[in-house]
Every structure is written in structure tokens, then in C-alpha cells.
């Protein structure tokens, strides 16, 4: 005979049974804010993240908090005023010249 034992399937846990995995609390990313205004603007985000998200199709977060998947030409839309304000006043430390 062989050195391998014959295992009884009924003695092994999980084999031959249908197992249910516990539900996980993973919230789906909100790809759009409810007010709709964010859909009409181009948003600021780190350039490397925008390129990666465009290629991979993954959502990114703009400076204003908008979560979206870049898929359109941003030059066709005005810049988001919240992103511009955060970029001009917070990140560069200089107030916007348009104020």
C-alpha cells in the first residue's frame, strides 16, 4: 500500500459544504456629489494621481473633496472655484489675483 492516508471528506471542515462569508462594511466610493455642480467643473488633484486614475479607471479625490474617475477633457470646463481657492490660498499661501 501507499503511505498516503485516505481522508474521509465528512471529517474535514468546509469540504463538501457551502460556506457563507461574513458581510464586510466596505462603503462604495461616492463618484459624484449630490448637488450636481461638481459635474460642471474641472478639478485639481495631484497630476500623477490623475494620470494613474485615467489609465486604471480608479476614482480619485479632488482638493474640494469631489471623488470621480477622470474621463473627459478638463479644458472644456471651468476650474472648480473650491479647488482653485484651496490651491491658491492654502497650498501656495498666496491669495488668488482674481479676488
Protein backbone atom coordinates (compact mmCIF):
# COMPACT_ATOMS: atom_id res chain seq x y z
CA UNK A 1 0.00 0.00 0.00
CA UNK A 2 0.86 3.67 -0.15
CA UNK A 3 1.99 5.94 2.69
CA UNK A 4 -0.91 8.34 1.89
CA UNK A 5 -3.93 8.01 4.13
CA UNK A 6 -7.42 8.11 2.74
CA UNK A 7 -9.26 11.05 4.29
CA UNK A 8 -12.94 10.99 4.98
CA UNK A 9 -14.43 14.17 3.44
CA UNK A 10 -17.06 14.34 6.16
CA UNK A 11 -14.35 14.81 8.83
CA UNK A 12 -12.75 17.80 7.12
CA UNK A 13 -14.41 21.15 7.96
CA UNK A 14 -15.65 23.13 5.00
CA UNK A 15 -15.25 20.47 2.34
CA UNK A 16 -18.42 19.42 0.64
CA UNK A 17 -20.35 22.25 2.29
CA UNK A 18 -21.47 25.62 1.07
CA UNK A 19 -19.93 28.29 3.26
CA UNK A 20 -21.19 31.83 3.60
CA UNK A 21 -18.66 34.60 4.08
CA UNK A 22 -19.49 37.30 6.62
CA UNK A 23 -20.55 40.64 5.20
CA UNK A 24 -17.93 43.35 5.29
CA UNK A 25 -18.60 47.00 5.89
CA UNK A 26 -16.80 48.42 2.86
CA UNK A 27 -18.55 51.56 1.65
CA UNK A 28 -18.58 52.12 -2.08
CA UNK A 29 -16.88 55.38 -3.10
CA UNK A 30 -19.27 58.16 -3.97
CA UNK A 31 -18.40 59.04 -7.52
CA UNK A 32 -20.50 62.17 -7.55
CA UNK A 33 -21.74 64.71 -5.05
CA UNK A 34 -25.49 65.10 -4.81
CA UNK A 35 -25.65 68.79 -5.71
CA UNK A 36 -24.55 68.27 -9.32
CA UNK A 37 -22.44 71.45 -9.50
CA UNK A 38 -19.21 69.47 -9.33
CA UNK A 39 -20.09 67.80 -12.64
CA UNK A 40 -19.72 71.12 -14.47
CA UNK A 41 -16.14 71.84 -13.38
CA UNK A 42 -12.58 70.68 -13.89
CA UNK A 43 -10.99 69.76 -10.58
CA UNK A 44 -7.49 69.97 -9.12
CA UNK A 45 -5.77 66.79 -7.94
CA UNK A 46 -2.14 65.60 -7.97
CA UNK A 47 -1.08 65.11 -11.60
CA UNK A 48 0.35 61.62 -11.03
CA UNK A 49 -2.92 60.52 -9.41
CA UNK A 50 -4.95 61.89 -12.34
CA UNK A 51 -2.81 60.01 -14.87
CA UNK A 52 -3.00 56.78 -12.87
CA UNK A 53 -6.77 57.10 -12.37
CA UNK A 54 -7.30 57.82 -16.07
CA UNK A 55 -5.36 54.73 -17.08
CA UNK A 56 -6.64 52.37 -14.38
CA UNK A 57 -10.21 53.73 -14.16
CA UNK A 58 -9.99 54.20 -10.40
CA UNK A 59 -11.61 57.09 -8.54
CA UNK A 60 -9.52 59.94 -7.10
CA UNK A 61 -10.32 62.79 -4.73
CA UNK A 62 -10.00 66.42 -5.83
CA UNK A 63 -8.86 69.19 -3.49
CA UNK A 64 -12.51 70.16 -2.91
CA UNK A 65 -13.44 66.62 -1.86
CA UNK A 66 -15.12 65.54 -5.09
CA UNK A 67 -14.47 61.86 -5.84
CA UNK A 68 -14.54 60.98 -9.52
CA UNK A 69 -12.95 58.94 -12.28
CA UNK A 70 -11.24 61.25 -14.80
CA UNK A 71 -12.68 60.53 -18.21
CA UNK A 72 -13.20 63.81 -20.05
CA UNK A 73 -11.16 66.73 -21.35
CA UNK A 74 -10.79 69.17 -18.42
CA UNK A 75 -10.03 72.10 -20.74
CA UNK A 76 -13.69 72.07 -21.84
CA UNK A 77 -14.88 73.08 -18.35
CA UNK A 78 -14.18 75.96 -15.97
CA UNK A 79 -11.98 75.28 -12.95
CA UNK A 80 -13.83 74.37 -9.76
CA UNK A 81 -13.85 77.50 -7.56
CA UNK A 82 -13.33 75.47 -4.38
CA UNK A 83 -10.31 73.65 -5.84
CA UNK A 84 -8.87 76.95 -7.11
CA UNK A 85 -9.34 78.64 -3.73
CA UNK A 86 -7.71 75.75 -1.86
CA UNK A 87 -4.82 75.64 -4.32
CA UNK A 88 -4.26 79.41 -4.34
CA UNK A 89 -4.76 80.18 -0.65
CA UNK A 90 -3.83 77.03 1.20
CA UNK A 91 -1.26 75.20 -0.89
CA UNK A 92 0.64 78.16 -2.35
CA UNK A 93 -0.03 80.56 0.53
CA UNK A 94 -0.83 83.40 -1.86
CA UNK A 95 -4.34 84.78 -2.43
CA UNK A 96 -5.83 84.47 -5.89
CA UNK A 97 -5.35 87.52 -8.15
CA UNK A 98 -8.95 87.25 -9.37
CA UNK A 99 -10.39 88.23 -5.95
